[in-house]
């Protein structure tokens, strides 16, 4: 397992963390033999913002014909800055992560940049050809609807 220590917002705006994660995955696969790992069994994983980055890395790998990723594990991933989704409204307050905090997080990550499918993988018009996905959501979570919608797609 390799864990990536990517730069965090608000100091580092999109796409820095995404680019760092994608570069780390490609570097790891390119150097698989010296790292003594099997390049034919690669998974990306993350929770919350890390789930966003894992999903985005899988999308970019598919779009750029490599590296080959076999599995993505997305744990309550942040996928879409649509704050009108059912879970954002239903669990906006009183369940830990709030709608207001998520709006603040997205603003810190994106700044004035309009989100694309690598900033917000839920905005991707095409999810075909992605690796096998294991997606976990939490019942009382503002992120639940976007995770479930991504899984259905």
N, C-alpha and C. Protein backbone atom coordinates (compact mmCIF):
# COMPACT_ATOMS: atom_id res chain seq x y z
N UNK A 1 0.84 -1.17 0.00
CA UNK A 1 0.00 0.00 0.00
C UNK A 1 0.88 1.24 0.00
N UNK A 2 0.48 2.20 -0.79
CA UNK A 2 1.18 3.48 -0.85
C UNK A 2 0.17 4.57 -0.53
N UNK A 3 0.47 5.39 0.45
CA UNK A 3 -0.40 6.51 0.83
C UNK A 3 0.24 7.80 0.32
N UNK A 4 -0.57 8.63 -0.29
CA UNK A 4 -0.06 9.85 -0.91
C UNK A 4 -0.31 11.04 0.03
N UNK A 5 0.74 11.75 0.33
CA UNK A 5 0.66 12.94 1.18
C UNK A 5 0.52 14.15 0.26
N UNK A 6 -0.68 14.36 -0.26
CA UNK A 6 -0.93 15.46 -1.20
C UNK A 6 -1.17 16.77 -0.45
N UNK A 7 -0.96 17.87 -1.16
CA UNK A 7 -1.18 19.19 -0.59
C UNK A 7 -2.67 19.43 -0.36
N UNK A 8 -2.99 20.12 0.70
CA UNK A 8 -4.38 20.36 1.09
C UNK A 8 -4.80 21.80 0.80
N UNK A 9 -6.10 21.96 0.55
CA UNK A 9 -6.64 23.30 0.43
C UNK A 9 -6.94 23.81 1.84
N UNK A 10 -6.99 25.06 2.08
CA UNK A 10 -7.13 26.14 1.10
C UNK A 10 -5.81 26.61 0.49
N UNK A 11 -4.67 26.20 1.05
CA UNK A 11 -3.40 26.67 0.49
C UNK A 11 -3.18 26.15 -0.93
N UNK A 12 -3.59 24.93 -1.18
CA UNK A 12 -3.40 24.32 -2.49
C UNK A 12 -4.76 24.14 -3.16
N UNK A 13 -5.01 24.89 -4.18
CA UNK A 13 -6.28 24.82 -4.91
C UNK A 13 -6.21 23.72 -5.98
N UNK A 14 -7.40 23.31 -6.43
CA UNK A 14 -7.49 22.39 -7.56
C UNK A 14 -6.74 23.01 -8.74
N UNK A 15 -5.94 22.26 -9.47
CA UNK A 15 -5.82 20.81 -9.54
C UNK A 15 -4.59 20.23 -8.84
N UNK A 16 -3.94 20.96 -7.95
CA UNK A 16 -2.67 20.50 -7.39
C UNK A 16 -2.77 19.12 -6.75
N UNK A 17 -3.68 18.91 -5.82
CA UNK A 17 -3.79 17.60 -5.15
C UNK A 17 -4.11 16.50 -6.15
N UNK A 18 -4.99 16.78 -7.08
CA UNK A 18 -5.35 15.80 -8.12
C UNK A 18 -4.12 15.45 -8.96
N UNK A 19 -3.40 16.44 -9.41
CA UNK A 19 -2.19 16.19 -10.22
C UNK A 19 -1.16 15.38 -9.42
N UNK A 20 -1.00 15.70 -8.14
CA UNK A 20 -0.06 14.96 -7.31
C UNK A 20 -0.48 13.50 -7.18
N UNK A 21 -1.76 13.25 -6.97
CA UNK A 21 -2.23 11.87 -6.83
C UNK A 21 -2.07 11.10 -8.13
N UNK A 22 -2.44 11.71 -9.24
CA UNK A 22 -2.29 11.03 -10.53
C UNK A 22 -0.82 10.73 -10.81
N UNK A 23 0.05 11.69 -10.55
CA UNK A 23 1.48 11.48 -10.76
C UNK A 23 2.02 10.37 -9.86
N UNK A 24 1.55 10.33 -8.62
CA UNK A 24 2.00 9.28 -7.70
C UNK A 24 1.59 7.90 -8.18
N UNK A 25 0.38 7.78 -8.69
CA UNK A 25 -0.09 6.49 -9.20
C UNK A 25 0.72 6.08 -10.42
N UNK A 26 0.90 6.99 -11.36
CA UNK A 26 1.67 6.63 -12.56
C UNK A 26 3.13 6.31 -12.19
N UNK A 27 3.71 7.07 -11.30
CA UNK A 27 5.09 6.79 -10.86
C UNK A 27 5.18 5.41 -10.20
N UNK A 28 4.22 5.11 -9.36
CA UNK A 28 4.22 3.82 -8.67
C UNK A 28 4.15 2.67 -9.68
N UNK A 29 3.26 2.78 -10.64
CA UNK A 29 3.12 1.72 -11.63
C UNK A 29 4.35 1.65 -12.52
N UNK A 30 4.89 2.81 -12.90
CA UNK A 30 6.11 2.82 -13.73
C UNK A 30 7.30 2.20 -13.02
N UNK A 31 7.31 2.24 -11.70
CA UNK A 31 8.43 1.71 -10.92
C UNK A 31 8.01 0.48 -10.10
N UNK A 32 7.03 -0.23 -10.60
CA UNK A 32 6.48 -1.38 -9.87
C UNK A 32 7.54 -2.42 -9.53
N UNK A 33 8.43 -2.71 -10.46
CA UNK A 33 9.41 -3.76 -10.18
C UNK A 33 10.35 -3.35 -9.05
N UNK A 34 10.82 -2.12 -9.05
CA UNK A 34 11.72 -1.70 -7.97
C UNK A 34 10.99 -1.55 -6.63
N UNK A 35 9.69 -1.32 -6.68
CA UNK A 35 8.87 -1.24 -5.47
C UNK A 35 8.35 -2.61 -5.04
N UNK A 36 8.62 -3.61 -5.88
CA UNK A 36 8.19 -4.98 -5.63
C UNK A 36 6.67 -5.10 -5.45
N UNK A 37 5.97 -4.48 -6.39
CA UNK A 37 4.51 -4.60 -6.42
C UNK A 37 4.08 -5.12 -7.78
N UNK A 38 2.88 -5.66 -7.83
CA UNK A 38 2.33 -6.21 -9.07
C UNK A 38 1.58 -5.09 -9.81
N UNK A 39 2.09 -4.63 -10.95
CA UNK A 39 1.43 -3.55 -11.67
C UNK A 39 0.10 -3.96 -12.32
N UNK A 40 -0.19 -5.26 -12.28
CA UNK A 40 -1.44 -5.75 -12.86
C UNK A 40 -2.55 -5.84 -11.83
N UNK A 41 -2.27 -5.42 -10.60
CA UNK A 41 -3.27 -5.47 -9.53
C UNK A 41 -3.22 -4.15 -8.75
N UNK A 42 -3.71 -3.09 -9.40
CA UNK A 42 -3.63 -1.76 -8.82
C UNK A 42 -5.02 -1.29 -8.43
N UNK A 43 -5.12 -0.76 -7.21
CA UNK A 43 -6.36 -0.17 -6.72
C UNK A 43 -6.06 1.24 -6.24
N UNK A 44 -7.03 2.11 -6.40
CA UNK A 44 -6.98 3.43 -5.79
C UNK A 44 -8.11 3.49 -4.78
N UNK A 45 -7.87 4.17 -3.68
CA UNK A 45 -8.88 4.22 -2.62
C UNK A 45 -8.78 5.53 -1.87
N UNK A 46 -9.90 5.93 -1.29
CA UNK A 46 -9.90 7.11 -0.46
C UNK A 46 -11.26 7.33 0.16
N UNK A 47 -11.26 8.10 1.24
CA UNK A 47 -12.52 8.45 1.88
C UNK A 47 -12.71 9.97 1.83
N UNK A 48 -13.95 10.39 1.66
CA UNK A 48 -14.33 11.79 1.61
C UNK A 48 -13.57 12.49 0.48
N UNK A 49 -12.74 13.48 0.80
CA UNK A 49 -11.96 14.16 -0.24
C UNK A 49 -11.01 13.18 -0.93
N UNK A 50 -10.49 12.21 -0.18
CA UNK A 50 -9.64 11.18 -0.78
C UNK A 50 -10.41 10.31 -1.77
N UNK A 51 -11.70 10.10 -1.50
CA UNK A 51 -12.56 9.38 -2.44
C UNK A 51 -12.74 10.16 -3.73
N UNK A 52 -12.85 11.47 -3.59
CA UNK A 52 -12.91 12.35 -4.76
C UNK A 52 -11.65 12.16 -5.60
N UNK A 53 -10.50 12.20 -4.95
CA UNK A 53 -9.24 12.10 -5.68
C UNK A 53 -9.05 10.72 -6.31
N UNK A 54 -9.44 9.67 -5.60
CA UNK A 54 -9.34 8.31 -6.16
C UNK A 54 -10.23 8.18 -7.40
N UNK A 55 -11.46 8.67 -7.31
CA UNK A 55 -12.37 8.61 -8.46
C UNK A 55 -11.84 9.42 -9.62
N UNK A 56 -11.28 10.59 -9.34
CA UNK A 56 -10.74 11.45 -10.39
C UNK A 56 -9.52 10.80 -11.06
N UNK A 57 -8.67 10.17 -10.27
CA UNK A 57 -7.51 9.47 -10.83
C UNK A 57 -7.97 8.34 -11.75
N UNK A 58 -8.98 7.60 -11.34
CA UNK A 58 -9.50 6.51 -12.18
C UNK A 58 -10.08 7.07 -13.49
N UNK A 59 -10.78 8.18 -13.42
CA UNK A 59 -11.33 8.82 -14.63
C UNK A 59 -10.21 9.24 -15.57
N UNK A 60 -9.21 9.91 -15.03
CA UNK A 60 -8.11 10.39 -15.88
C UNK A 60 -7.33 9.22 -16.46
N UNK A 61 -7.12 8.17 -15.69
CA UNK A 61 -6.42 7.00 -16.22
C UNK A 61 -7.20 6.40 -17.39
N UNK A 62 -8.52 6.33 -17.24
CA UNK A 62 -9.34 5.83 -18.34
C UNK A 62 -9.25 6.76 -19.55
N UNK A 63 -9.36 8.06 -19.32
CA UNK A 63 -9.38 9.03 -20.41
C UNK A 63 -8.05 9.15 -21.14
N UNK A 64 -6.96 8.85 -20.45
CA UNK A 64 -5.64 8.98 -21.07
C UNK A 64 -5.01 7.63 -21.39
N UNK A 65 -5.83 6.58 -21.38
CA UNK A 65 -5.39 5.22 -21.71
C UNK A 65 -4.26 4.73 -20.81
N UNK A 66 -4.39 4.96 -19.55
CA UNK A 66 -3.42 4.43 -18.61
C UNK A 66 -3.10 5.43 -17.53
N UNK A 67 -2.59 4.98 -16.44
CA UNK A 67 -2.23 3.61 -16.10
C UNK A 67 -3.46 2.73 -15.89
N UNK A 68 -3.23 1.42 -15.92
CA UNK A 68 -4.32 0.47 -15.77
C UNK A 68 -4.65 0.30 -14.29
N UNK A 69 -5.86 0.67 -13.92
CA UNK A 69 -6.33 0.55 -12.54
C UNK A 69 -7.43 -0.50 -12.52
N UNK A 70 -7.32 -1.45 -11.60
CA UNK A 70 -8.26 -2.57 -11.55
C UNK A 70 -9.44 -2.35 -10.62
N UNK A 71 -9.27 -1.51 -9.62
CA UNK A 71 -10.29 -1.35 -8.59
C UNK A 71 -10.22 0.05 -8.00
N UNK A 72 -11.39 0.62 -7.75
CA UNK A 72 -11.44 1.86 -6.98
C UNK A 72 -12.35 1.62 -5.78
N UNK A 73 -11.86 2.05 -4.63
CA UNK A 73 -12.62 1.93 -3.38
C UNK A 73 -12.93 3.36 -2.92
N UNK A 74 -14.20 3.71 -2.97
CA UNK A 74 -14.63 5.06 -2.66
C UNK A 74 -15.49 5.01 -1.40
N UNK A 75 -15.00 5.61 -0.34
CA UNK A 75 -15.68 5.58 0.95
C UNK A 75 -16.25 6.97 1.21
N UNK A 76 -17.57 7.05 1.30
CA UNK A 76 -18.32 8.31 1.37
C UNK A 76 -17.60 9.42 0.59
N UNK A 77 -17.45 9.20 -0.73
CA UNK A 77 -16.68 10.14 -1.54
C UNK A 77 -17.41 11.47 -1.78
N UNK A 78 -16.62 12.51 -1.94
CA UNK A 78 -17.12 13.83 -2.34
C UNK A 78 -17.05 13.87 -3.86
N UNK A 79 -18.21 13.93 -4.52
CA UNK A 79 -18.22 13.76 -5.97
C UNK A 79 -18.87 14.88 -6.76
N UNK A 80 -19.72 15.67 -6.10
CA UNK A 80 -20.51 16.63 -6.86
C UNK A 80 -20.93 17.81 -5.97
N UNK A 81 -20.57 19.03 -6.35
CA UNK A 81 -20.95 20.18 -5.53
C UNK A 81 -22.39 20.65 -5.79
N UNK A 82 -23.31 19.71 -5.76
CA UNK A 82 -24.74 20.02 -5.90
C UNK A 82 -25.37 19.94 -4.52
N UNK A 83 -25.55 21.07 -3.89
CA UNK A 83 -26.01 21.12 -2.51
C UNK A 83 -27.52 21.03 -2.37
N UNK A 84 -28.20 20.75 -3.48
CA UNK A 84 -29.65 20.55 -3.45
C UNK A 84 -30.04 19.08 -3.47
N UNK A 85 -29.07 18.19 -3.52
CA UNK A 85 -29.36 16.77 -3.50
C UNK A 85 -30.07 16.41 -2.19
N UNK A 86 -30.86 15.33 -2.23
CA UNK A 86 -31.70 14.95 -1.09
C UNK A 86 -30.94 14.89 0.23
N UNK A 87 -29.79 14.23 0.26
CA UNK A 87 -29.08 14.08 1.53
C UNK A 87 -28.50 15.41 2.02
N UNK A 88 -28.13 16.30 1.10
CA UNK A 88 -27.65 17.62 1.52
C UNK A 88 -28.75 18.40 2.23
N UNK A 89 -29.97 18.24 1.77
CA UNK A 89 -31.10 18.94 2.38
C UNK A 89 -31.52 18.23 3.68
N UNK A 90 -31.68 16.92 3.61
CA UNK A 90 -32.20 16.16 4.74
C UNK A 90 -31.25 16.15 5.94
N UNK A 91 -29.95 16.09 5.69
CA UNK A 91 -28.97 15.98 6.77
C UNK A 91 -28.08 17.22 6.85
N UNK A 92 -28.62 18.37 6.48
CA UNK A 92 -27.83 19.59 6.40
C UNK A 92 -27.25 20.04 7.74
N UNK A 93 -27.90 19.68 8.84
CA UNK A 93 -27.45 20.07 10.18
C UNK A 93 -27.72 18.92 11.15
N UNK A 94 -26.87 18.82 12.16
CA UNK A 94 -27.13 17.90 13.26
C UNK A 94 -26.65 16.47 13.08
N UNK A 95 -25.91 16.18 12.01
CA UNK A 95 -25.45 14.81 11.77
C UNK A 95 -23.95 14.75 11.53
N UNK A 96 -23.21 15.70 12.06
CA UNK A 96 -21.76 15.74 11.85
C UNK A 96 -21.42 16.71 10.75
N UNK A 97 -21.04 16.19 9.60
CA UNK A 97 -20.69 17.02 8.46
C UNK A 97 -21.93 17.77 7.98
N UNK A 98 -21.82 19.08 7.84
CA UNK A 98 -22.98 19.89 7.46
C UNK A 98 -22.90 20.35 6.01
N UNK A 99 -24.03 20.73 5.49
CA UNK A 99 -24.10 21.29 4.15
C UNK A 99 -23.23 22.55 4.04
N UNK A 100 -23.32 23.41 5.06
CA UNK A 100 -22.52 24.63 5.06
C UNK A 100 -21.03 24.36 5.04
N UNK A 101 -20.59 23.35 5.79
CA UNK A 101 -19.16 23.00 5.80
C UNK A 101 -18.74 22.48 4.43
N UNK A 102 -19.59 21.67 3.80
CA UNK A 102 -19.25 21.17 2.47
C UNK A 102 -19.18 22.30 1.45
N UNK A 103 -20.06 23.27 1.55
CA UNK A 103 -19.98 24.42 0.66
C UNK A 103 -18.65 25.15 0.86
N UNK A 104 -18.25 25.29 2.12
CA UNK A 104 -16.98 25.94 2.43
C UNK A 104 -15.81 25.12 1.88
N UNK A 105 -15.84 23.78 2.08
CA UNK A 105 -14.76 22.92 1.57
C UNK A 105 -14.62 23.03 0.06
N UNK A 106 -15.76 22.95 -0.65
CA UNK A 106 -15.71 23.07 -2.11
C UNK A 106 -15.13 24.41 -2.52
N UNK A 107 -15.53 25.48 -1.84
CA UNK A 107 -15.02 26.80 -2.17
C UNK A 107 -13.51 26.87 -1.94
N UNK A 108 -13.02 26.27 -0.88
CA UNK A 108 -11.58 26.26 -0.59
C UNK A 108 -10.82 25.46 -1.64
N UNK A 109 -11.40 24.36 -2.10
CA UNK A 109 -10.74 23.49 -3.08
C UNK A 109 -10.73 24.12 -4.46
N UNK A 110 -11.88 24.66 -4.88
CA UNK A 110 -11.99 25.16 -6.24
C UNK A 110 -11.59 26.62 -6.40
N UNK A 111 -11.76 27.43 -5.35
CA UNK A 111 -11.54 28.86 -5.52
C UNK A 111 -12.51 29.39 -6.57
N UNK A 112 -12.00 30.08 -7.56
CA UNK A 112 -12.87 30.62 -8.62
C UNK A 112 -12.95 29.70 -9.83
N UNK A 113 -12.32 28.53 -9.75
CA UNK A 113 -12.33 27.58 -10.87
C UNK A 113 -13.68 26.90 -10.99
N UNK A 114 -14.18 26.81 -12.20
CA UNK A 114 -15.41 26.04 -12.44
C UNK A 114 -15.04 24.56 -12.42
N UNK A 115 -15.81 23.74 -11.71
CA UNK A 115 -15.43 22.33 -11.61
C UNK A 115 -15.59 21.58 -12.93
N UNK A 116 -14.61 20.73 -13.23
CA UNK A 116 -14.70 19.80 -14.33
C UNK A 116 -14.85 18.40 -13.75
N UNK A 117 -14.82 17.38 -14.58
CA UNK A 117 -15.06 16.02 -14.08
C UNK A 117 -13.91 15.49 -13.23
N UNK A 118 -12.74 16.13 -13.28
CA UNK A 118 -11.64 15.69 -12.43
C UNK A 118 -11.69 16.38 -11.07
N UNK A 119 -12.27 17.55 -11.02
CA UNK A 119 -12.49 18.22 -9.73
C UNK A 119 -13.71 17.61 -9.04
N UNK A 120 -14.72 17.28 -9.82
CA UNK A 120 -15.97 16.73 -9.31
C UNK A 120 -16.38 15.55 -10.18
N UNK A 121 -15.88 14.35 -9.88
CA UNK A 121 -16.14 13.19 -10.74
C UNK A 121 -17.62 12.90 -11.00
N UNK A 122 -18.50 13.32 -10.11
CA UNK A 122 -19.93 13.13 -10.33
C UNK A 122 -20.45 13.92 -11.52
N UNK A 123 -19.69 14.90 -11.99
CA UNK A 123 -20.09 15.69 -13.15
C UNK A 123 -19.72 15.02 -14.47
N UNK A 124 -18.98 13.93 -14.40
CA UNK A 124 -18.57 13.24 -15.63
C UNK A 124 -19.80 12.76 -16.40
N UNK A 125 -19.80 13.02 -17.68
CA UNK A 125 -20.90 12.56 -18.52
C UNK A 125 -20.80 11.09 -18.88
N UNK A 126 -19.66 10.47 -18.59
CA UNK A 126 -19.44 9.08 -18.99
C UNK A 126 -18.65 8.35 -17.90
N UNK A 127 -19.27 7.35 -17.31
CA UNK A 127 -18.58 6.55 -16.30
C UNK A 127 -18.26 5.14 -16.82
N UNK A 128 -18.46 4.93 -18.11
CA UNK A 128 -18.15 3.62 -18.70
C UNK A 128 -16.63 3.42 -18.75
N UNK A 129 -16.22 2.17 -18.61
CA UNK A 129 -14.82 1.83 -18.72
C UNK A 129 -13.99 2.09 -17.47
N UNK A 130 -14.66 2.43 -16.38
CA UNK A 130 -13.94 2.63 -15.13
C UNK A 130 -13.68 1.28 -14.46
N UNK A 131 -12.73 1.23 -13.55
CA UNK A 131 -12.47 -0.04 -12.88
C UNK A 131 -13.64 -0.47 -11.99
N UNK A 132 -13.62 -1.73 -11.61
CA UNK A 132 -14.59 -2.22 -10.64
C UNK A 132 -14.58 -1.26 -9.46
N UNK A 133 -15.78 -0.95 -8.97
CA UNK A 133 -15.90 0.06 -7.91
C UNK A 133 -16.59 -0.52 -6.70
N UNK A 134 -15.99 -0.29 -5.56
CA UNK A 134 -16.60 -0.59 -4.27
C UNK A 134 -16.86 0.76 -3.62
N UNK A 135 -18.14 1.12 -3.47
CA UNK A 135 -18.50 2.44 -2.98
C UNK A 135 -19.30 2.29 -1.70
N UNK A 136 -18.86 2.99 -0.66
CA UNK A 136 -19.51 2.92 0.64
C UNK A 136 -20.07 4.30 0.98
N UNK A 137 -21.32 4.33 1.42
CA UNK A 137 -21.91 5.58 1.89
C UNK A 137 -22.38 5.38 3.33
N UNK A 138 -22.69 6.48 3.98
CA UNK A 138 -23.20 6.45 5.35
C UNK A 138 -24.63 6.97 5.35
N UNK A 139 -25.50 6.36 6.13
CA UNK A 139 -26.93 6.68 6.12
C UNK A 139 -27.22 8.16 6.38
N UNK A 140 -26.68 8.72 7.45
CA UNK A 140 -27.01 10.09 7.85
C UNK A 140 -25.88 11.03 7.49
N UNK A 141 -25.61 11.13 6.20
CA UNK A 141 -24.46 11.88 5.70
C UNK A 141 -24.89 12.75 4.52
N UNK A 142 -24.45 13.99 4.50
CA UNK A 142 -24.78 14.87 3.38
C UNK A 142 -24.24 14.32 2.06
N UNK A 143 -23.23 13.49 2.09
CA UNK A 143 -22.61 12.95 0.88
C UNK A 143 -23.32 11.70 0.33
N UNK A 144 -24.29 11.19 1.05
CA UNK A 144 -24.91 9.92 0.66
C UNK A 144 -25.51 9.95 -0.75
N UNK A 145 -26.30 10.96 -1.07
CA UNK A 145 -26.99 11.00 -2.37
C UNK A 145 -26.01 10.98 -3.54
N UNK A 146 -24.94 11.77 -3.46
CA UNK A 146 -24.01 11.81 -4.57
C UNK A 146 -23.28 10.47 -4.74
N UNK A 147 -22.98 9.80 -3.62
CA UNK A 147 -22.36 8.49 -3.70
C UNK A 147 -23.29 7.45 -4.32
N UNK A 148 -24.54 7.46 -3.89
CA UNK A 148 -25.50 6.52 -4.44
C UNK A 148 -25.77 6.76 -5.92
N UNK A 149 -25.87 8.02 -6.31
CA UNK A 149 -26.09 8.34 -7.72
C UNK A 149 -24.90 7.89 -8.57
N UNK A 150 -23.69 8.12 -8.08
CA UNK A 150 -22.49 7.70 -8.80
C UNK A 150 -22.48 6.18 -8.96
N UNK A 151 -22.82 5.47 -7.91
CA UNK A 151 -22.86 4.00 -7.96
C UNK A 151 -23.89 3.51 -8.97
N UNK A 152 -25.05 4.13 -9.02
CA UNK A 152 -26.09 3.73 -9.97
C UNK A 152 -25.66 3.98 -11.41
N UNK A 153 -24.95 5.07 -11.60
CA UNK A 153 -24.51 5.42 -12.96
C UNK A 153 -23.44 4.44 -13.43
